[in-house]
């Protein structure tokens, strides 16, 4: 599924994140764990930031200057409306190039929508944007090996891909990162996340 289709799919379901009963604590504890490893707190990037602003808010409170990126036009519109003083880019992370270095990057429940053959390149790009000592947290499908599938449980059909736990651990190690934390945080669901530090 190409980025335009992913963006349009999320344009159609922004209401799911705007509901009053949306769990705004989703992922927050995991991010607080990741933030404990950060030494410098200047620039931060939220990849696939969506519309809730919960990680942007968390990063701001932690002392960062946060910015976000999302492929969905409607998500970006809502994010900018919520946080008009924060830079939010409407871009495809596979193609976007940042001229900044970051001390913290999050890609929570987002890059698993990029094509399988782009996973390695995108993770490599995110790591290249980190300052030494910078921290990356990202969630992924916690299969053992690489996998891809489509799912319509939220309404429109959406594509997912993963390098699998083995693949991501090998990749971040090859990129000069240390794994600080790996967790299957919704077990027995195959939802996993990694916290890695660039050394």
N, C-alpha and C. Protein backbone atom coordinates (compact mmCIF):
# COMPACT_ATOMS: atom_id res chain seq x y z
N UNK A 1 0.85 -1.19 0.00
CA UNK A 1 0.00 0.00 0.00
C UNK A 1 0.89 1.24 0.00
N UNK A 2 0.67 2.15 -0.94
CA UNK A 2 1.54 3.32 -1.02
C UNK A 2 1.15 4.36 0.03
N UNK A 3 2.04 5.33 0.30
CA UNK A 3 1.79 6.33 1.35
C UNK A 3 0.52 7.13 1.15
N UNK A 4 0.17 7.42 -0.11
CA UNK A 4 -1.04 8.18 -0.37
C UNK A 4 -2.28 7.43 0.12
N UNK A 5 -2.29 6.11 -0.10
CA UNK A 5 -3.42 5.31 0.35
C UNK A 5 -3.46 5.21 1.88
N UNK A 6 -2.30 5.11 2.50
CA UNK A 6 -2.25 5.10 3.98
C UNK A 6 -2.77 6.42 4.51
N UNK A 7 -2.32 7.52 3.92
CA UNK A 7 -2.78 8.84 4.35
C UNK A 7 -4.28 8.99 4.23
N UNK A 8 -4.84 8.55 3.11
CA UNK A 8 -6.29 8.66 2.91
C UNK A 8 -7.05 7.73 3.86
N UNK A 9 -6.48 6.56 4.14
CA UNK A 9 -7.12 5.65 5.10
C UNK A 9 -7.22 6.31 6.46
N UNK A 10 -6.15 6.96 6.89
CA UNK A 10 -6.17 7.63 8.20
C UNK A 10 -7.00 8.90 8.18
N UNK A 11 -7.08 9.55 7.02
CA UNK A 11 -7.99 10.70 6.90
C UNK A 11 -9.42 10.29 7.24
N UNK A 12 -9.76 9.05 6.88
CA UNK A 12 -11.13 8.57 7.06
C UNK A 12 -11.44 8.12 8.48
N UNK A 13 -10.40 7.95 9.30
CA UNK A 13 -10.65 7.40 10.65
C UNK A 13 -10.07 8.28 11.76
N UNK A 14 -9.86 9.56 11.49
CA UNK A 14 -9.32 10.44 12.52
C UNK A 14 -10.23 10.49 13.75
N UNK A 15 -11.52 10.26 13.55
CA UNK A 15 -12.47 10.31 14.66
C UNK A 15 -12.13 9.29 15.75
N UNK A 16 -11.45 8.21 15.38
CA UNK A 16 -11.11 7.19 16.38
C UNK A 16 -10.18 7.74 17.45
N UNK A 17 -9.34 8.71 17.08
CA UNK A 17 -8.40 9.31 18.02
C UNK A 17 -8.96 10.57 18.66
N UNK A 18 -10.08 11.07 18.14
CA UNK A 18 -10.69 12.28 18.67
C UNK A 18 -11.79 11.98 19.68
N UNK A 19 -12.12 10.71 19.85
CA UNK A 19 -13.18 10.34 20.80
C UNK A 19 -12.78 10.69 22.23
N UNK A 20 -13.75 11.01 23.04
CA UNK A 20 -13.48 11.33 24.45
C UNK A 20 -12.93 10.13 25.21
N UNK A 21 -13.31 8.93 24.76
CA UNK A 21 -12.85 7.73 25.47
C UNK A 21 -11.53 7.18 24.92
N UNK A 22 -10.88 7.91 24.00
CA UNK A 22 -9.58 7.46 23.52
C UNK A 22 -8.58 7.45 24.68
N UNK A 23 -7.82 6.39 24.78
CA UNK A 23 -6.86 6.25 25.87
C UNK A 23 -5.60 7.08 25.58
N UNK A 24 -5.56 8.29 26.12
CA UNK A 24 -4.42 9.18 25.88
C UNK A 24 -3.16 8.72 26.62
N UNK A 25 -3.28 7.70 27.44
CA UNK A 25 -2.10 7.15 28.11
C UNK A 25 -1.42 6.07 27.28
N UNK A 26 -2.04 5.70 26.15
CA UNK A 26 -1.46 4.65 25.31
C UNK A 26 -0.05 5.03 24.87
N UNK A 27 0.94 4.25 25.27
CA UNK A 27 2.32 4.50 24.89
C UNK A 27 3.09 5.46 25.78
N UNK A 28 2.40 6.15 26.69
CA UNK A 28 3.07 7.18 27.50
C UNK A 28 4.08 6.56 28.46
N UNK A 29 3.70 5.50 29.15
CA UNK A 29 4.62 4.84 30.09
C UNK A 29 5.88 4.36 29.36
N UNK A 30 5.69 3.82 28.17
CA UNK A 30 6.81 3.33 27.39
C UNK A 30 7.75 4.48 26.99
N UNK A 31 7.16 5.62 26.66
CA UNK A 31 7.97 6.80 26.32
C UNK A 31 8.71 7.35 27.54
N UNK A 32 8.07 7.32 28.68
CA UNK A 32 8.75 7.77 29.90
C UNK A 32 9.95 6.89 30.19
N UNK A 33 9.82 5.59 29.93
CA UNK A 33 10.94 4.67 30.10
C UNK A 33 12.07 5.05 29.14
N UNK A 34 11.72 5.36 27.90
CA UNK A 34 12.72 5.74 26.91
C UNK A 34 13.40 7.06 27.27
N UNK A 35 12.62 8.01 27.75
CA UNK A 35 13.17 9.32 28.10
C UNK A 35 14.19 9.24 29.23
N UNK A 36 14.10 8.22 30.05
CA UNK A 36 15.04 8.07 31.16
C UNK A 36 16.47 7.84 30.66
N UNK A 37 16.62 7.40 29.41
CA UNK A 37 17.94 7.14 28.85
C UNK A 37 18.54 8.36 28.14
N UNK A 38 17.76 9.42 27.98
CA UNK A 38 18.21 10.58 27.21
C UNK A 38 19.12 11.47 28.05
N UNK A 39 20.26 11.84 27.49
CA UNK A 39 21.22 12.69 28.21
C UNK A 39 20.99 14.17 27.90
N UNK A 40 20.77 14.49 26.63
CA UNK A 40 20.53 15.88 26.22
C UNK A 40 19.09 16.02 25.74
N UNK A 41 18.49 17.14 26.02
CA UNK A 41 17.08 17.34 25.68
C UNK A 41 16.92 18.66 24.91
N UNK A 42 17.13 18.55 23.59
CA UNK A 42 16.94 19.74 22.75
C UNK A 42 15.85 19.44 21.72
N UNK A 43 16.22 18.83 20.59
CA UNK A 43 15.24 18.56 19.54
C UNK A 43 14.69 17.15 19.62
N UNK A 44 13.40 17.03 19.33
CA UNK A 44 12.74 15.72 19.32
C UNK A 44 11.79 15.65 18.13
N UNK A 45 11.59 14.44 17.62
CA UNK A 45 10.74 14.22 16.45
C UNK A 45 9.75 13.09 16.73
N UNK A 46 8.48 13.34 16.41
CA UNK A 46 7.42 12.35 16.54
C UNK A 46 7.02 11.92 15.13
N UNK A 47 7.39 10.70 14.74
CA UNK A 47 7.13 10.19 13.40
C UNK A 47 5.77 9.48 13.39
N UNK A 48 4.87 9.96 12.53
CA UNK A 48 3.50 9.45 12.55
C UNK A 48 2.78 10.02 13.76
N UNK A 49 2.91 11.33 13.92
CA UNK A 49 2.47 11.98 15.17
C UNK A 49 0.97 11.92 15.39
N UNK A 50 0.19 11.76 14.31
CA UNK A 50 -1.25 11.72 14.48
C UNK A 50 -1.81 13.03 14.99
N UNK A 51 -2.98 12.97 15.58
CA UNK A 51 -3.69 14.20 15.96
C UNK A 51 -3.79 14.44 17.46
N UNK A 52 -3.43 13.45 18.29
CA UNK A 52 -3.71 13.59 19.72
C UNK A 52 -2.76 14.53 20.43
N UNK A 53 -1.54 14.66 19.93
CA UNK A 53 -0.56 15.53 20.56
C UNK A 53 -0.02 15.02 21.88
N UNK A 54 -0.31 13.77 22.24
CA UNK A 54 0.07 13.32 23.58
C UNK A 54 1.58 13.16 23.73
N UNK A 55 2.26 12.72 22.67
CA UNK A 55 3.72 12.59 22.77
C UNK A 55 4.40 13.95 22.60
N UNK A 56 3.84 14.80 21.76
CA UNK A 56 4.35 16.17 21.62
C UNK A 56 4.29 16.87 22.97
N UNK A 57 3.16 16.71 23.66
CA UNK A 57 2.97 17.32 24.97
C UNK A 57 3.97 16.75 25.99
N UNK A 58 4.16 15.44 25.96
CA UNK A 58 5.10 14.78 26.87
C UNK A 58 6.52 15.28 26.62
N UNK A 59 6.90 15.39 25.36
CA UNK A 59 8.24 15.85 25.01
C UNK A 59 8.46 17.30 25.40
N UNK A 60 7.45 18.11 25.20
CA UNK A 60 7.57 19.52 25.60
C UNK A 60 7.76 19.64 27.11
N UNK A 61 6.98 18.88 27.86
CA UNK A 61 7.10 18.92 29.32
C UNK A 61 8.46 18.43 29.78
N UNK A 62 9.07 17.53 28.99
CA UNK A 62 10.39 17.00 29.35
C UNK A 62 11.52 17.95 28.98
N UNK A 63 11.19 19.05 28.29
CA UNK A 63 12.20 20.05 27.98
C UNK A 63 12.68 20.08 26.54
N UNK A 64 12.04 19.28 25.67
CA UNK A 64 12.42 19.25 24.27
C UNK A 64 11.72 20.33 23.46
N UNK A 65 12.28 20.61 22.29
CA UNK A 65 11.57 21.36 21.25
C UNK A 65 11.07 20.30 20.27
N UNK A 66 9.80 19.93 20.36
CA UNK A 66 9.31 18.83 19.54
C UNK A 66 8.78 19.28 18.19
N UNK A 67 8.84 18.38 17.22
CA UNK A 67 8.15 18.56 15.96
C UNK A 67 7.59 17.21 15.54
N UNK A 68 6.66 17.23 14.59
CA UNK A 68 6.01 16.00 14.18
C UNK A 68 5.97 15.86 12.67
N UNK A 69 5.73 14.65 12.23
CA UNK A 69 5.54 14.35 10.81
C UNK A 69 4.47 13.29 10.68
N UNK A 70 3.59 13.46 9.70
CA UNK A 70 2.53 12.48 9.45
C UNK A 70 2.14 12.57 7.99
N UNK A 71 1.74 11.43 7.41
CA UNK A 71 1.37 11.40 6.00
C UNK A 71 -0.09 11.77 5.77
N UNK A 72 -0.91 11.74 6.83
CA UNK A 72 -2.34 12.03 6.70
C UNK A 72 -2.61 13.53 6.76
N UNK A 73 -3.23 14.04 5.71
CA UNK A 73 -3.54 15.48 5.65
C UNK A 73 -4.46 15.91 6.80
N UNK A 74 -5.45 15.10 7.10
CA UNK A 74 -6.40 15.46 8.16
C UNK A 74 -5.76 15.36 9.54
N UNK A 75 -4.93 14.35 9.75
CA UNK A 75 -4.21 14.24 11.02
C UNK A 75 -3.32 15.46 11.25
N UNK A 76 -2.62 15.87 10.19
CA UNK A 76 -1.74 17.04 10.30
C UNK A 76 -2.56 18.30 10.58
N UNK A 77 -3.69 18.45 9.91
CA UNK A 77 -4.56 19.62 10.15
C UNK A 77 -4.98 19.68 11.62
N UNK A 78 -5.41 18.55 12.16
CA UNK A 78 -5.84 18.52 13.56
C UNK A 78 -4.68 18.74 14.51
N UNK A 79 -3.51 18.19 14.18
CA UNK A 79 -2.33 18.36 15.03
C UNK A 79 -1.90 19.81 15.07
N UNK A 80 -1.91 20.48 13.92
CA UNK A 80 -1.54 21.90 13.86
C UNK A 80 -2.55 22.76 14.61
N UNK A 81 -3.81 22.38 14.53
CA UNK A 81 -4.86 23.12 15.25
C UNK A 81 -4.68 22.96 16.75
N UNK A 82 -4.31 21.77 17.18
CA UNK A 82 -4.11 21.49 18.60
C UNK A 82 -2.85 22.18 19.13
N UNK A 83 -1.77 22.16 18.34
CA UNK A 83 -0.48 22.73 18.77
C UNK A 83 0.06 23.67 17.70
N UNK A 84 -0.52 24.88 17.59
CA UNK A 84 -0.13 25.79 16.50
C UNK A 84 1.32 26.27 16.58
N UNK A 85 1.95 26.15 17.73
CA UNK A 85 3.34 26.59 17.88
C UNK A 85 4.35 25.48 17.59
N UNK A 86 3.85 24.28 17.23
CA UNK A 86 4.73 23.16 16.94
C UNK A 86 4.78 22.93 15.43
N UNK A 87 5.97 22.69 14.89
CA UNK A 87 6.12 22.39 13.47
C UNK A 87 5.68 20.97 13.20
N UNK A 88 4.67 20.83 12.34
CA UNK A 88 4.16 19.52 11.94
C UNK A 88 4.28 19.42 10.42
N UNK A 89 5.02 18.43 9.94
CA UNK A 89 5.24 18.24 8.52
C UNK A 89 4.25 17.22 7.96
N UNK A 90 3.60 17.55 6.85
CA UNK A 90 2.80 16.54 6.17
C UNK A 90 3.68 15.94 5.08
N UNK A 91 4.28 14.80 5.40
CA UNK A 91 5.25 14.18 4.52
C UNK A 91 5.23 12.66 4.69
N UNK A 92 5.76 11.99 3.69
CA UNK A 92 5.99 10.55 3.74
C UNK A 92 7.38 10.33 4.34
N UNK A 93 7.47 9.65 5.46
CA UNK A 93 8.75 9.45 6.14
C UNK A 93 9.74 8.70 5.26
N UNK A 94 9.26 7.92 4.31
CA UNK A 94 10.17 7.21 3.40
C UNK A 94 10.95 8.18 2.51
N UNK A 95 10.35 9.33 2.22
CA UNK A 95 10.96 10.28 1.29
C UNK A 95 11.49 11.54 1.98
N UNK A 96 10.94 11.88 3.13
CA UNK A 96 11.28 13.14 3.78
C UNK A 96 12.73 13.14 4.26
N UNK A 97 13.36 14.30 4.14
CA UNK A 97 14.73 14.47 4.61
C UNK A 97 14.75 15.63 5.60
N UNK A 98 15.28 15.39 6.78
CA UNK A 98 15.40 16.45 7.80
C UNK A 98 16.80 17.03 7.78
N UNK A 99 16.86 18.33 8.01
CA UNK A 99 18.18 18.98 8.09
C UNK A 99 18.61 19.16 9.55
N UNK A 100 17.89 18.51 10.47
CA UNK A 100 18.19 18.63 11.89
C UNK A 100 18.77 17.33 12.44
N UNK A 101 19.37 17.44 13.60
CA UNK A 101 19.74 16.29 14.41
C UNK A 101 18.84 16.31 15.65
N UNK A 102 18.52 15.12 16.13
CA UNK A 102 17.59 15.00 17.24
C UNK A 102 18.21 14.23 18.40
N UNK A 103 17.73 14.54 19.60
CA UNK A 103 18.14 13.82 20.79
C UNK A 103 17.15 12.71 21.14
N UNK A 104 15.97 12.80 20.54
CA UNK A 104 14.93 11.79 20.80
C UNK A 104 14.03 11.70 19.57
N UNK A 105 13.78 10.47 19.13
CA UNK A 105 12.84 10.23 18.03
C UNK A 105 11.90 9.12 18.44
N UNK A 106 10.61 9.33 18.23
CA UNK A 106 9.62 8.29 18.48
C UNK A 106 8.90 7.97 17.18
N UNK A 107 8.65 6.68 16.97
CA UNK A 107 7.83 6.22 15.85
C UNK A 107 6.88 5.16 16.41
N UNK A 108 5.89 5.64 17.13
CA UNK A 108 4.99 4.75 17.85
C UNK A 108 3.79 4.39 16.96
N UNK A 109 3.62 3.11 16.69
CA UNK A 109 2.50 2.61 15.89
C UNK A 109 2.38 3.34 14.56
N UNK A 110 3.51 3.60 13.91
CA UNK A 110 3.46 4.37 12.66
C UNK A 110 4.25 3.74 11.53
N UNK A 111 5.55 3.50 11.73
CA UNK A 111 6.35 3.04 10.60
C UNK A 111 6.03 1.60 10.22
N UNK A 112 5.20 0.94 10.98
CA UNK A 112 4.80 -0.41 10.58
C UNK A 112 3.88 -0.39 9.36
N UNK A 113 3.50 0.84 8.91
CA UNK A 113 2.69 0.98 7.70
C UNK A 113 3.53 1.18 6.45
N UNK A 114 4.83 1.32 6.58
CA UNK A 114 5.65 1.54 5.39
C UNK A 114 5.95 0.19 4.72
N UNK A 115 6.26 0.21 3.42
CA UNK A 115 6.54 -1.05 2.73
C UNK A 115 7.68 -1.82 3.38
N UNK A 116 7.57 -3.14 3.34
CA UNK A 116 8.58 -3.99 3.96
C UNK A 116 9.97 -3.69 3.42
N UNK A 117 10.07 -3.42 2.12
CA UNK A 117 11.39 -3.16 1.54
C UNK A 117 11.94 -1.79 1.89
N UNK A 118 11.15 -0.99 2.63
CA UNK A 118 11.61 0.33 3.08
C UNK A 118 11.96 0.35 4.57
N UNK A 119 11.63 -0.72 5.29
CA UNK A 119 11.83 -0.72 6.74
C UNK A 119 13.28 -0.45 7.13
N UNK A 120 14.19 -1.18 6.52
CA UNK A 120 15.61 -1.03 6.89
C UNK A 120 16.11 0.38 6.58
N UNK A 121 15.71 0.92 5.43
CA UNK A 121 16.17 2.25 5.03
C UNK A 121 15.63 3.33 5.96
N UNK A 122 14.36 3.20 6.36
CA UNK A 122 13.76 4.23 7.23
C UNK A 122 14.37 4.19 8.63
N UNK A 123 14.54 3.00 9.20
CA UNK A 123 15.18 2.92 10.52
C UNK A 123 16.60 3.47 10.44
N UNK A 124 17.32 3.15 9.37
CA UNK A 124 18.68 3.67 9.19
C UNK A 124 18.67 5.19 9.12
N UNK A 125 17.68 5.75 8.45
CA UNK A 125 17.58 7.19 8.33
C UNK A 125 17.29 7.83 9.69
N UNK A 126 16.37 7.25 10.45
CA UNK A 126 16.05 7.79 11.77
C UNK A 126 17.28 7.77 12.67
N UNK A 127 18.02 6.68 12.65
CA UNK A 127 19.24 6.59 13.47
C UNK A 127 20.26 7.63 13.02
N UNK A 128 20.36 7.87 11.71
CA UNK A 128 21.32 8.86 11.20
C UNK A 128 20.98 10.27 11.66
N UNK A 129 19.71 10.51 11.98
CA UNK A 129 19.29 11.83 12.46
C UNK A 129 19.53 12.01 13.95
N UNK A 130 19.88 10.95 14.66
CA UNK A 130 20.12 11.07 16.10
C UNK A 130 21.51 11.62 16.38
N UNK A 131 21.60 12.49 17.36
CA UNK A 131 22.89 12.86 17.91
C UNK A 131 23.47 11.66 18.65
N UNK A 132 24.77 11.64 18.86
CA UNK A 132 25.37 10.61 19.71
C UNK A 132 24.72 10.70 21.10
N UNK A 133 24.30 9.56 21.60
CA UNK A 133 23.58 9.53 22.87
C UNK A 133 22.09 9.72 22.70
N UNK A 134 21.65 9.96 21.47
CA UNK A 134 20.22 10.12 21.21
C UNK A 134 19.48 8.79 21.30
N UNK A 135 18.19 8.87 21.55
CA UNK A 135 17.36 7.69 21.79
C UNK A 135 16.24 7.61 20.76
N UNK A 136 16.03 6.40 20.26
CA UNK A 136 14.92 6.11 19.35
C UNK A 136 14.03 5.06 20.00
N UNK A 137 12.72 5.33 20.01
CA UNK A 137 11.74 4.33 20.43
C UNK A 137 10.80 4.09 19.26
N UNK A 138 10.55 2.82 18.94
CA UNK A 138 9.59 2.52 17.88
C UNK A 138 8.90 1.20 18.19
N UNK A 139 7.64 1.14 17.81
CA UNK A 139 6.87 -0.08 17.99
C UNK A 139 6.81 -0.82 16.67
N UNK A 140 6.58 -2.14 16.76
CA UNK A 140 6.57 -2.96 15.55
C UNK A 140 5.83 -4.26 15.81
N UNK A 141 5.51 -4.94 14.73
CA UNK A 141 4.90 -6.26 14.85
C UNK A 141 5.92 -7.25 15.35
N UNK A 142 5.68 -7.81 16.52
CA UNK A 142 6.69 -8.64 17.19
C UNK A 142 6.72 -10.08 16.74
N UNK A 143 6.73 -10.29 15.44
CA UNK A 143 6.94 -11.63 14.91
C UNK A 143 8.42 -11.98 15.04
N UNK A 144 8.75 -13.25 14.87
CA UNK A 144 10.15 -13.65 14.95
C UNK A 144 10.90 -13.23 13.69
N UNK A 145 10.28 -13.45 12.55
CA UNK A 145 10.89 -13.12 11.26
C UNK A 145 10.11 -11.99 10.59
N UNK A 146 10.60 -11.50 9.46
CA UNK A 146 9.92 -10.44 8.72
C UNK A 146 8.56 -10.92 8.24
N UNK A 147 7.63 -9.98 8.12
CA UNK A 147 6.26 -10.33 7.75
C UNK A 147 5.56 -9.09 7.22
N UNK A 148 4.49 -9.29 6.46
CA UNK A 148 3.62 -8.21 6.01
C UNK A 148 2.21 -8.75 5.85
N UNK A 149 1.23 -7.88 6.10
CA UNK A 149 -0.16 -8.29 5.93
C UNK A 149 -1.03 -7.05 5.82
N UNK A 150 -2.31 -7.27 5.54
CA UNK A 150 -3.29 -6.19 5.48
C UNK A 150 -4.40 -6.48 6.48
N UNK A 151 -5.00 -5.40 6.98
CA UNK A 151 -6.01 -5.55 8.03
C UNK A 151 -7.04 -4.44 7.88
N UNK A 152 -8.30 -4.76 8.10
CA UNK A 152 -9.36 -3.74 7.99
C UNK A 152 -10.14 -3.59 9.29
N UNK A 153 -9.52 -3.95 10.41
CA UNK A 153 -10.23 -3.92 11.69
C UNK A 153 -10.64 -2.51 12.11
N UNK A 154 -9.95 -1.47 11.61
CA UNK A 154 -10.32 -0.10 11.96
C UNK A 154 -11.29 0.51 10.95
N UNK A 155 -11.59 -0.23 9.88
CA UNK A 155 -12.48 0.28 8.83
C UNK A 155 -11.83 0.07 7.48
N UNK A 156 -11.09 1.06 6.98
CA UNK A 156 -10.42 0.87 5.70
C UNK A 156 -9.26 -0.12 5.80
N UNK A 157 -8.96 -0.76 4.70
CA UNK A 157 -7.86 -1.71 4.69
C UNK A 157 -6.54 -0.97 4.84
N UNK A 158 -5.70 -1.46 5.75
CA UNK A 158 -4.41 -0.83 6.03
C UNK A 158 -3.32 -1.89 5.98
N UNK A 159 -2.19 -1.51 5.44
CA UNK A 159 -1.04 -2.39 5.27
C UNK A 159 -0.12 -2.31 6.48
N UNK A 160 0.47 -3.45 6.87
CA UNK A 160 1.44 -3.51 7.96
C UNK A 160 2.65 -4.33 7.51
N UNK A 161 3.83 -3.97 8.00
CA UNK A 161 5.02 -4.78 7.73
C UNK A 161 5.96 -4.71 8.93
N UNK A 162 6.83 -5.71 9.04
CA UNK A 162 7.80 -5.74 10.12
C UNK A 162 9.02 -6.54 9.69
N UNK A 163 10.18 -6.16 10.20
CA UNK A 163 11.38 -6.98 10.02
C UNK A 163 11.43 -8.09 11.05
N UNK A 164 10.51 -8.06 12.02
CA UNK A 164 10.51 -9.03 13.10
C UNK A 164 11.54 -8.68 14.16
N UNK A 165 11.38 -9.23 15.32
CA UNK A 165 12.27 -8.93 16.44
C UNK A 165 13.73 -9.20 16.08
N UNK A 166 13.99 -10.34 15.48
CA UNK A 166 15.36 -10.69 15.11
C UNK A 166 15.94 -9.68 14.13
N UNK A 167 15.15 -9.32 13.12
CA UNK A 167 15.61 -8.39 12.10
C UNK A 167 15.91 -7.00 12.64
N UNK A 168 15.02 -6.49 13.49
CA UNK A 168 15.23 -5.15 14.04
C UNK A 168 16.43 -5.12 15.00
N UNK A 169 16.57 -6.15 15.82
CA UNK A 169 17.71 -6.18 16.74
C UNK A 169 19.04 -6.22 15.98
N UNK A 170 19.09 -7.00 14.93
CA UNK A 170 20.31 -7.08 14.12
C UNK A 170 20.59 -5.75 13.44
N UNK A 171 19.54 -5.12 12.91
CA UNK A 171 19.70 -3.84 12.20
C UNK A 171 20.22 -2.75 13.12
N UNK A 172 19.58 -2.56 14.28
CA UNK A 172 20.01 -1.46 15.15
C UNK A 172 21.42 -1.69 15.69
N UNK A 173 21.79 -2.94 15.89
CA UNK A 173 23.16 -3.23 16.31
C UNK A 173 24.15 -2.86 15.21
N UNK A 174 23.82 -3.19 13.96
CA UNK A 174 24.68 -2.85 12.83
C UNK A 174 24.78 -1.35 12.62
N UNK A 175 23.77 -0.61 13.09
CA UNK A 175 23.75 0.85 12.93
C UNK A 175 24.47 1.57 14.08
N UNK A 176 25.09 0.80 14.97
CA UNK A 176 25.84 1.41 16.06
C UNK A 176 24.99 1.83 17.24
N UNK A 177 23.89 1.13 17.44
CA UNK A 177 23.00 1.42 18.56
C UNK A 177 23.05 0.29 19.58
N UNK A 178 22.76 0.66 20.81
CA UNK A 178 22.63 -0.31 21.90
C UNK A 178 21.16 -0.45 22.24
N UNK A 179 20.68 -1.69 22.35
CA UNK A 179 19.30 -1.92 22.77
C UNK A 179 19.21 -1.69 24.28
N UNK A 180 18.42 -0.71 24.66
CA UNK A 180 18.21 -0.42 26.08
C UNK A 180 16.98 -1.11 26.65
N UNK A 181 16.02 -1.44 25.78
CA UNK A 181 14.81 -2.09 26.28
C UNK A 181 14.05 -2.70 25.11
N UNK A 182 13.59 -3.93 25.28
CA UNK A 182 12.71 -4.61 24.33
C UNK A 182 11.58 -5.22 25.12
N UNK A 183 10.36 -4.97 24.67
CA UNK A 183 9.21 -5.49 25.42
C UNK A 183 8.06 -5.82 24.49
N UNK A 184 7.40 -6.95 24.78
CA UNK A 184 6.11 -7.27 24.20
C UNK A 184 5.08 -6.73 25.18
N UNK A 185 4.67 -5.49 24.97
CA UNK A 185 3.91 -4.78 26.00
C UNK A 185 2.41 -5.07 25.97
N UNK A 186 1.94 -5.81 24.97
CA UNK A 186 0.52 -6.16 24.92
C UNK A 186 0.34 -7.68 24.76
N UNK A 187 1.31 -8.43 25.28
CA UNK A 187 1.30 -9.88 25.15
C UNK A 187 -0.02 -10.47 25.66
N UNK A 188 -0.63 -11.43 24.95
CA UNK A 188 -0.08 -12.24 23.86
C UNK A 188 -0.19 -11.63 22.47
N UNK A 189 -0.69 -10.38 22.34
CA UNK A 189 -0.67 -9.74 21.03
C UNK A 189 0.78 -9.48 20.62
N UNK A 190 1.05 -9.52 19.34
CA UNK A 190 2.40 -9.35 18.84
C UNK A 190 2.74 -7.88 18.65
N UNK A 191 2.52 -7.10 19.71
CA UNK A 191 2.89 -5.69 19.71
C UNK A 191 4.15 -5.55 20.54
N UNK A 192 5.22 -5.10 19.93
CA UNK A 192 6.49 -4.98 20.62
C UNK A 192 7.08 -3.60 20.39
N UNK A 193 8.01 -3.21 21.23
CA UNK A 193 8.72 -1.94 20.98
C UNK A 193 10.15 -2.06 21.44
N UNK A 194 10.98 -1.24 20.83
CA UNK A 194 12.40 -1.17 21.13
C UNK A 194 12.76 0.23 21.56
N UNK A 195 13.64 0.33 22.53
CA UNK A 195 14.29 1.57 22.90
C UNK A 195 15.77 1.38 22.62
N UNK A 196 16.33 2.19 21.72
CA UNK A 196 17.74 2.05 21.38
C UNK A 196 18.44 3.39 21.53
N UNK A 197 19.72 3.32 21.88
CA UNK A 197 20.54 4.52 22.04
C UNK A 197 21.68 4.49 21.03
N UNK A 198 21.91 5.60 20.38
CA UNK A 198 23.02 5.71 19.43
C UNK A 198 24.30 6.00 20.20
N UNK A 199 25.30 5.15 20.04
CA UNK A 199 26.54 5.29 20.81
C UNK A 199 27.71 5.65 19.90
